[in-house]
């Protein structure tokens, strides 16, 4: 029911966002 993936590459994180699981990007969070 609840799935998350840690993704370092912000571009890859954006590409997979909304695909049925949460994407957490520490790199994107640091940039933001």
ModelCIF file with pLDDT and N, C-alpha, C, O atoms, coordinates in Angstrom:
data_MODEL
#
_entry.id   MODEL 
#
_entity.id                         1 
_entity.type                       polymer 
_entity.pdbx_number_of_molecules   1 
#
_entity_poly.entity_id                      1 
_entity_poly.type                           'polypeptide(L)' 
_entity_poly.nstd_linkage                   no 
_entity_poly.nstd_monomer                   no 
_entity_poly.pdbx_seq_one_letter_code       
;(UNK)(UNK)(UNK)(UNK)(UNK)(UNK)(UNK)(UNK)(UNK)(UNK)(UNK)(UNK)(UNK)(UNK)(UNK)(UNK)
(UNK)(UNK)(UNK)(UNK)(UNK)(UNK)(UNK)(UNK)(UNK)(UNK)(UNK)(UNK)(UNK)(UNK)(UNK)(UNK)
;
_entity_poly.pdbx_seq_one_letter_code_can   XXXXXXXXXXXXXXXXXXXXXXXXXXXXXXXX 
_entity_poly.pdbx_strand_id                 A 
#
loop_
_entity_poly_seq.entity_id 
_entity_poly_seq.num 
_entity_poly_seq.mon_id 
_entity_poly_seq.hetero 
1 1  UNK n 
1 2  UNK n 
1 3  UNK n 
1 4  UNK n 
1 5  UNK n 
1 6  UNK n 
1 7  UNK n 
1 8  UNK n 
1 9  UNK n 
1 10 UNK n 
1 11 UNK n 
1 12 UNK n 
1 13 UNK n 
1 14 UNK n 
1 15 UNK n 
1 16 UNK n 
1 17 UNK n 
1 18 UNK n 
1 19 UNK n 
1 20 UNK n 
1 21 UNK n 
1 22 UNK n 
1 23 UNK n 
1 24 UNK n 
1 25 UNK n 
1 26 UNK n 
1 27 UNK n 
1 28 UNK n 
1 29 UNK n 
1 30 UNK n 
1 31 UNK n 
1 32 UNK n 
#
_struct_asym.id          A 
_struct_asym.entity_id   1 
#
loop_
_ma_qa_metric.id 
_ma_qa_metric.mode 
_ma_qa_metric.name 
_ma_qa_metric.software_group_id 
_ma_qa_metric.type 
1 global pLDDT . pLDDT 
2 local  pLDDT . pLDDT 
#
_ma_qa_metric_global.metric_id      1 
_ma_qa_metric_global.metric_value   94.12 
_ma_qa_metric_global.model_id       1 
_ma_qa_metric_global.ordinal_id     1 
#
loop_
_ma_qa_metric_local.label_asym_id 
_ma_qa_metric_local.label_comp_id 
_ma_qa_metric_local.label_seq_id 
_ma_qa_metric_local.metric_id 
_ma_qa_metric_local.metric_value 
_ma_qa_metric_local.model_id 
_ma_qa_metric_local.ordinal_id 
A UNK 1  2 98.00 1 1  
A UNK 2  2 98.00 1 2  
A UNK 3  2 98.00 1 3  
A UNK 4  2 98.00 1 4  
A UNK 5  2 98.00 1 5  
A UNK 6  2 97.00 1 6  
A UNK 7  2 97.00 1 7  
A UNK 8  2 95.00 1 8  
A UNK 9  2 95.00 1 9  
A UNK 10 2 93.00 1 10 
A UNK 11 2 93.00 1 11 
A UNK 12 2 93.00 1 12 
A UNK 13 2 93.00 1 13 
A UNK 14 2 90.00 1 14 
A UNK 15 2 92.00 1 15 
A UNK 16 2 91.00 1 16 
A UNK 17 2 87.00 1 17 
A UNK 18 2 88.00 1 18 
A UNK 19 2 89.00 1 19 
A UNK 20 2 92.00 1 20 
A UNK 21 2 97.00 1 21 
A UNK 22 2 96.00 1 22 
A UNK 23 2 96.00 1 23 
A UNK 24 2 96.00 1 24 
A UNK 25 2 95.00 1 25 
A UNK 26 2 94.00 1 26 
A UNK 27 2 94.00 1 27 
A UNK 28 2 92.00 1 28 
A UNK 29 2 94.00 1 29 
A UNK 30 2 95.00 1 30 
A UNK 31 2 94.00 1 31 
A UNK 32 2 94.00 1 32 
#
loop_
_atom_site.group_PDB 
_atom_site.id 
_atom_site.type_symbol 
_atom_site.label_atom_id 
_atom_site.label_alt_id 
_atom_site.label_comp_id 
_atom_site.label_asym_id 
_atom_site.label_entity_id 
_atom_site.label_seq_id 
_atom_site.pdbx_PDB_ins_code 
_atom_site.Cartn_x 
_atom_site.Cartn_y 
_atom_site.Cartn_z 
_atom_site.occupancy 
_atom_site.B_iso_or_equiv 
_atom_site.pdbx_formal_charge 
_atom_site.auth_seq_id 
_atom_site.auth_comp_id 
_atom_site.auth_asym_id 
_atom_site.auth_atom_id 
_atom_site.pdbx_PDB_model_num 
ATOM 1   N N  . UNK A 1 1  ? 0.787  -1.244 0.000   1.00 98.00 ? 1  UNK A N  1 
ATOM 2   C CA . UNK A 1 1  ? 0.000  0.000  0.000   1.00 98.00 ? 1  UNK A CA 1 
ATOM 3   C C  . UNK A 1 1  ? 0.819  1.295  0.000   1.00 98.00 ? 1  UNK A C  1 
ATOM 4   O O  . UNK A 1 1  ? 0.414  2.291  -0.601  1.00 98.00 ? 1  UNK A O  1 
ATOM 5   N N  . UNK A 1 2  ? 1.959  1.277  0.668   1.00 98.00 ? 2  UNK A N  1 
ATOM 6   C CA . UNK A 1 2  ? 2.772  2.491  0.786   1.00 98.00 ? 2  UNK A CA 1 
ATOM 7   C C  . UNK A 1 2  ? 4.210  2.145  0.414   1.00 98.00 ? 2  UNK A C  1 
ATOM 8   O O  . UNK A 1 2  ? 4.873  1.373  1.107   1.00 98.00 ? 2  UNK A O  1 
ATOM 9   N N  . UNK A 1 3  ? 4.684  2.727  -0.689  1.00 98.00 ? 3  UNK A N  1 
ATOM 10  C CA . UNK A 1 3  ? 6.022  2.432  -1.200  1.00 98.00 ? 3  UNK A CA 1 
ATOM 11  C C  . UNK A 1 3  ? 6.741  3.753  -1.457  1.00 98.00 ? 3  UNK A C  1 
ATOM 12  O O  . UNK A 1 3  ? 6.164  4.700  -1.992  1.00 98.00 ? 3  UNK A O  1 
ATOM 13  N N  . UNK A 1 4  ? 8.008  3.795  -1.065  1.00 98.00 ? 4  UNK A N  1 
ATOM 14  C CA . UNK A 1 4  ? 8.822  4.983  -1.313  1.00 98.00 ? 4  UNK A CA 1 
ATOM 15  C C  . UNK A 1 4  ? 10.204 4.559  -1.795  1.00 98.00 ? 4  UNK A C  1 
ATOM 16  O O  . UNK A 1 4  ? 10.732 3.522  -1.391  1.00 98.00 ? 4  UNK A O  1 
ATOM 17  N N  . UNK A 1 5  ? 10.777 5.385  -2.670  1.00 98.00 ? 5  UNK A N  1 
ATOM 18  C CA . UNK A 1 5  ? 12.127 5.156  -3.176  1.00 98.00 ? 5  UNK A CA 1 
ATOM 19  C C  . UNK A 1 5  ? 12.962 6.409  -2.963  1.00 98.00 ? 5  UNK A C  1 
ATOM 20  O O  . UNK A 1 5  ? 12.533 7.518  -3.284  1.00 98.00 ? 5  UNK A O  1 
ATOM 21  N N  . UNK A 1 6  ? 14.159 6.219  -2.419  1.00 97.00 ? 6  UNK A N  1 
ATOM 22  C CA . UNK A 1 6  ? 15.108 7.325  -2.289  1.00 97.00 ? 6  UNK A CA 1 
ATOM 23  C C  . UNK A 1 6  ? 15.847 7.438  -3.616  1.00 97.00 ? 6  UNK A C  1 
ATOM 24  O O  . UNK A 1 6  ? 16.489 6.488  -4.063  1.00 97.00 ? 6  UNK A O  1 
ATOM 25  N N  . UNK A 1 7  ? 15.752 8.609  -4.241  1.00 97.00 ? 7  UNK A N  1 
ATOM 26  C CA . UNK A 1 7  ? 16.366 8.846  -5.547  1.00 97.00 ? 7  UNK A CA 1 
ATOM 27  C C  . UNK A 1 7  ? 17.253 10.090 -5.447  1.00 97.00 ? 7  UNK A C  1 
ATOM 28  O O  . UNK A 1 7  ? 16.772 11.189 -5.171  1.00 97.00 ? 7  UNK A O  1 
ATOM 29  N N  . UNK A 1 8  ? 18.551 9.898  -5.674  1.00 95.00 ? 8  UNK A N  1 
ATOM 30  C CA . UNK A 1 8  ? 19.495 11.018 -5.553  1.00 95.00 ? 8  UNK A CA 1 
ATOM 31  C C  . UNK A 1 8  ? 19.397 11.993 -6.725  1.00 95.00 ? 8  UNK A C  1 
ATOM 32  O O  . UNK A 1 8  ? 19.443 13.207 -6.524  1.00 95.00 ? 8  UNK A O  1 
ATOM 33  N N  . UNK A 1 9  ? 19.264 11.482 -7.925  1.00 95.00 ? 9  UNK A N  1 
ATOM 34  C CA . UNK A 1 9  ? 19.264 12.321 -9.131  1.00 95.00 ? 9  UNK A CA 1 
ATOM 35  C C  . UNK A 1 9  ? 17.926 13.053 -9.255  1.00 95.00 ? 9  UNK A C  1 
ATOM 36  O O  . UNK A 1 9  ? 16.896 12.415 -9.471  1.00 95.00 ? 9  UNK A O  1 
ATOM 37  N N  . UNK A 1 10 ? 17.926 14.389 -9.120  1.00 93.00 ? 10 UNK A N  1 
ATOM 38  C CA . UNK A 1 10 ? 16.668 15.132 -9.177  1.00 93.00 ? 10 UNK A CA 1 
ATOM 39  C C  . UNK A 1 10 ? 15.904 14.940 -10.495 1.00 93.00 ? 10 UNK A C  1 
ATOM 40  O O  . UNK A 1 10 ? 14.675 14.883 -10.485 1.00 93.00 ? 10 UNK A O  1 
ATOM 41  N N  . UNK A 1 11 ? 16.602 14.841 -11.611 1.00 93.00 ? 11 UNK A N  1 
ATOM 42  C CA . UNK A 1 11 ? 15.923 14.646 -12.900 1.00 93.00 ? 11 UNK A CA 1 
ATOM 43  C C  . UNK A 1 11 ? 15.230 13.287 -12.929 1.00 93.00 ? 11 UNK A C  1 
ATOM 44  O O  . UNK A 1 11 ? 14.098 13.174 -13.399 1.00 93.00 ? 11 UNK A O  1 
ATOM 45  N N  . UNK A 1 12 ? 15.893 12.280 -12.438 1.00 93.00 ? 12 UNK A N  1 
ATOM 46  C CA . UNK A 1 12 ? 15.293 10.947 -12.389 1.00 93.00 ? 12 UNK A CA 1 
ATOM 47  C C  . UNK A 1 12 ? 14.122 10.934 -11.402 1.00 93.00 ? 12 UNK A C  1 
ATOM 48  O O  . UNK A 1 12 ? 13.098 10.298 -11.650 1.00 93.00 ? 12 UNK A O  1 
ATOM 49  N N  . UNK A 1 13 ? 14.284 11.635 -10.298 1.00 93.00 ? 13 UNK A N  1 
ATOM 50  C CA . UNK A 1 13 ? 13.192 11.714 -9.315  1.00 93.00 ? 13 UNK A CA 1 
ATOM 51  C C  . UNK A 1 13 ? 11.961 12.354 -9.951  1.00 93.00 ? 13 UNK A C  1 
ATOM 52  O O  . UNK A 1 13 ? 10.841 11.882 -9.758  1.00 93.00 ? 13 UNK A O  1 
ATOM 53  N N  . UNK A 1 14 ? 12.171 13.422 -10.705 1.00 90.00 ? 14 UNK A N  1 
ATOM 54  C CA . UNK A 1 14 ? 11.043 14.083 -11.386 1.00 90.00 ? 14 UNK A CA 1 
ATOM 55  C C  . UNK A 1 14 ? 10.397 13.142 -12.405 1.00 90.00 ? 14 UNK A C  1 
ATOM 56  O O  . UNK A 1 14 ? 9.173  13.109 -12.536 1.00 90.00 ? 14 UNK A O  1 
ATOM 57  N N  . UNK A 1 15 ? 11.212 12.390 -13.116 1.00 92.00 ? 15 UNK A N  1 
ATOM 58  C CA . UNK A 1 15 ? 10.692 11.497 -14.154 1.00 92.00 ? 15 UNK A CA 1 
ATOM 59  C C  . UNK A 1 15 ? 9.831  10.382 -13.578 1.00 92.00 ? 15 UNK A C  1 
ATOM 60  O O  . UNK A 1 15 ? 8.908  9.909  -14.242 1.00 92.00 ? 15 UNK A O  1 
ATOM 61  N N  . UNK A 1 16 ? 10.120 9.956  -12.352 1.00 91.00 ? 16 UNK A N  1 
ATOM 62  C CA . UNK A 1 16 ? 9.388  8.833  -11.771 1.00 91.00 ? 16 UNK A CA 1 
ATOM 63  C C  . UNK A 1 16 ? 8.340  9.266  -10.743 1.00 91.00 ? 16 UNK A C  1 
ATOM 64  O O  . UNK A 1 16 ? 7.633  8.425  -10.187 1.00 91.00 ? 16 UNK A O  1 
ATOM 65  N N  . UNK A 1 17 ? 8.239  10.551 -10.494 1.00 87.00 ? 17 UNK A N  1 
ATOM 66  C CA . UNK A 1 17 ? 7.224  11.044 -9.568  1.00 87.00 ? 17 UNK A CA 1 
ATOM 67  C C  . UNK A 1 17 ? 5.840  10.733 -10.130 1.00 87.00 ? 17 UNK A C  1 
ATOM 68  O O  . UNK A 1 17 ? 5.604  10.931 -11.322 1.00 87.00 ? 17 UNK A O  1 
ATOM 69  N N  . UNK A 1 18 ? 4.929  10.254 -9.301  1.00 88.00 ? 18 UNK A N  1 
ATOM 70  C CA . UNK A 1 18 ? 3.573  9.967  -9.743  1.00 88.00 ? 18 UNK A CA 1 
ATOM 71  C C  . UNK A 1 18 ? 3.405  8.629  -10.437 1.00 88.00 ? 18 UNK A C  1 
ATOM 72  O O  . UNK A 1 18 ? 2.451  8.445  -11.193 1.00 88.00 ? 18 UNK A O  1 
ATOM 73  N N  . UNK A 1 19 ? 4.306  7.697  -10.199 1.00 89.00 ? 19 UNK A N  1 
ATOM 74  C CA . UNK A 1 19 ? 4.236  6.383  -10.858 1.00 89.00 ? 19 UNK A CA 1 
ATOM 75  C C  . UNK A 1 19 ? 3.740  5.283  -9.921  1.00 89.00 ? 19 UNK A C  1 
ATOM 76  O O  . UNK A 1 19 ? 4.034  4.106  -10.132 1.00 89.00 ? 19 UNK A O  1 
ATOM 77  N N  . UNK A 1 20 ? 2.998  5.659  -8.898  1.00 92.00 ? 20 UNK A N  1 
ATOM 78  C CA . UNK A 1 20 ? 2.425  4.662  -7.996  1.00 92.00 ? 20 UNK A CA 1 
ATOM 79  C C  . UNK A 1 20 ? 3.211  4.453  -6.718  1.00 92.00 ? 20 UNK A C  1 
ATOM 80  O O  . UNK A 1 20 ? 2.880  3.575  -5.921  1.00 92.00 ? 20 UNK A O  1 
ATOM 81  N N  . UNK A 1 21 ? 4.252  5.251  -6.515  1.00 97.00 ? 21 UNK A N  1 
ATOM 82  C CA . UNK A 1 21 ? 5.020  5.195  -5.272  1.00 97.00 ? 21 UNK A CA 1 
ATOM 83  C C  . UNK A 1 21 ? 5.630  6.569  -5.026  1.00 97.00 ? 21 UNK A C  1 
ATOM 84  O O  . UNK A 1 21 ? 5.801  7.367  -5.947  1.00 97.00 ? 21 UNK A O  1 
ATOM 85  N N  . UNK A 1 22 ? 5.952  6.824  -3.760  1.00 96.00 ? 22 UNK A N  1 
ATOM 86  C CA . UNK A 1 22 ? 6.546  8.109  -3.402  1.00 96.00 ? 22 UNK A CA 1 
ATOM 87  C C  . UNK A 1 22 ? 8.018  8.132  -3.809  1.00 96.00 ? 22 UNK A C  1 
ATOM 88  O O  . UNK A 1 22 ? 8.724  7.129  -3.709  1.00 96.00 ? 22 UNK A O  1 
ATOM 89  N N  . UNK A 1 23 ? 8.454  9.284  -4.262  1.00 96.00 ? 23 UNK A N  1 
ATOM 90  C CA . UNK A 1 23 ? 9.856  9.498  -4.603  1.00 96.00 ? 23 UNK A CA 1 
ATOM 91  C C  . UNK A 1 23 ? 10.396 10.555 -3.653  1.00 96.00 ? 23 UNK A C  1 
ATOM 92  O O  . UNK A 1 23 ? 9.871  11.666 -3.574  1.00 96.00 ? 23 UNK A O  1 
ATOM 93  N N  . UNK A 1 24 ? 11.443 10.196 -2.941  1.00 96.00 ? 24 UNK A N  1 
ATOM 94  C CA . UNK A 1 24 ? 12.083 11.135 -2.023  1.00 96.00 ? 24 UNK A CA 1 
ATOM 95  C C  . UNK A 1 24 ? 13.486 11.378 -2.544  1.00 96.00 ? 24 UNK A C  1 
ATOM 96  O O  . UNK A 1 24 ? 14.286 10.451 -2.661  1.00 96.00 ? 24 UNK A O  1 
ATOM 97  N N  . UNK A 1 25 ? 13.778 12.640 -2.858  1.00 95.00 ? 25 UNK A N  1 
ATOM 98  C CA . UNK A 1 25 ? 15.081 12.998 -3.406  1.00 95.00 ? 25 UNK A CA 1 
ATOM 99  C C  . UNK A 1 25 ? 15.812 13.924 -2.435  1.00 95.00 ? 25 UNK A C  1 
ATOM 100 O O  . UNK A 1 25 ? 15.529 15.121 -2.389  1.00 95.00 ? 25 UNK A O  1 
ATOM 101 N N  . UNK A 1 26 ? 16.749 13.377 -1.661  1.00 94.00 ? 26 UNK A N  1 
ATOM 102 C CA . UNK A 1 26 ? 17.519 14.229 -0.752  1.00 94.00 ? 26 UNK A CA 1 
ATOM 103 C C  . UNK A 1 26 ? 18.250 15.348 -1.485  1.00 94.00 ? 26 UNK A C  1 
ATOM 104 O O  . UNK A 1 26 ? 18.381 16.450 -0.952  1.00 94.00 ? 26 UNK A O  1 
ATOM 105 N N  . UNK A 1 27 ? 18.725 15.082 -2.693  1.00 94.00 ? 27 UNK A N  1 
ATOM 106 C CA . UNK A 1 27 ? 19.431 16.104 -3.461  1.00 94.00 ? 27 UNK A CA 1 
ATOM 107 C C  . UNK A 1 27 ? 18.475 17.233 -3.828  1.00 94.00 ? 27 UNK A C  1 
ATOM 108 O O  . UNK A 1 27 ? 18.808 18.409 -3.683  1.00 94.00 ? 27 UNK A O  1 
ATOM 109 N N  . UNK A 1 28 ? 17.285 16.871 -4.304  1.00 92.00 ? 28 UNK A N  1 
ATOM 110 C CA . UNK A 1 28 ? 16.295 17.897 -4.659  1.00 92.00 ? 28 UNK A CA 1 
ATOM 111 C C  . UNK A 1 28 ? 15.889 18.691 -3.419  1.00 92.00 ? 28 UNK A C  1 
ATOM 112 O O  . UNK A 1 28 ? 15.740 19.911 -3.487  1.00 92.00 ? 28 UNK A O  1 
ATOM 113 N N  . UNK A 1 29 ? 15.709 18.007 -2.285  1.00 94.00 ? 29 UNK A N  1 
ATOM 114 C CA . UNK A 1 29 ? 15.333 18.705 -1.053  1.00 94.00 ? 29 UNK A CA 1 
ATOM 115 C C  . UNK A 1 29 ? 16.442 19.678 -0.634  1.00 94.00 ? 29 UNK A C  1 
ATOM 116 O O  . UNK A 1 29 ? 16.148 20.782 -0.175  1.00 94.00 ? 29 UNK A O  1 
ATOM 117 N N  . UNK A 1 30 ? 17.704 19.285 -0.785  1.00 95.00 ? 30 UNK A N  1 
ATOM 118 C CA . UNK A 1 30 ? 18.812 20.172 -0.440  1.00 95.00 ? 30 UNK A CA 1 
ATOM 119 C C  . UNK A 1 30 ? 18.848 21.381 -1.371  1.00 95.00 ? 30 UNK A C  1 
ATOM 120 O O  . UNK A 1 30 ? 19.030 22.510 -0.915  1.00 95.00 ? 30 UNK A O  1 
ATOM 121 N N  . UNK A 1 31 ? 18.677 21.151 -2.668  1.00 94.00 ? 31 UNK A N  1 
ATOM 122 C CA . UNK A 1 31 ? 18.670 22.263 -3.631  1.00 94.00 ? 31 UNK A CA 1 
ATOM 123 C C  . UNK A 1 31 ? 17.542 23.230 -3.306  1.00 94.00 ? 31 UNK A C  1 
ATOM 124 O O  . UNK A 1 31 ? 17.757 24.441 -3.246  1.00 94.00 ? 31 UNK A O  1 
ATOM 125 N N  . UNK A 1 32 ? 16.334 22.697 -3.095  1.00 94.00 ? 32 UNK A N  1 
ATOM 126 C CA . UNK A 1 32 ? 15.181 23.548 -2.790  1.00 94.00 ? 32 UNK A CA 1 
ATOM 127 C C  . UNK A 1 32 ? 15.394 24.316 -1.490  1.00 94.00 ? 32 UNK A C  1 
ATOM 128 O O  . UNK A 1 32 ? 14.524 25.082 -1.076  1.00 94.00 ? 32 UNK A O  1 
#
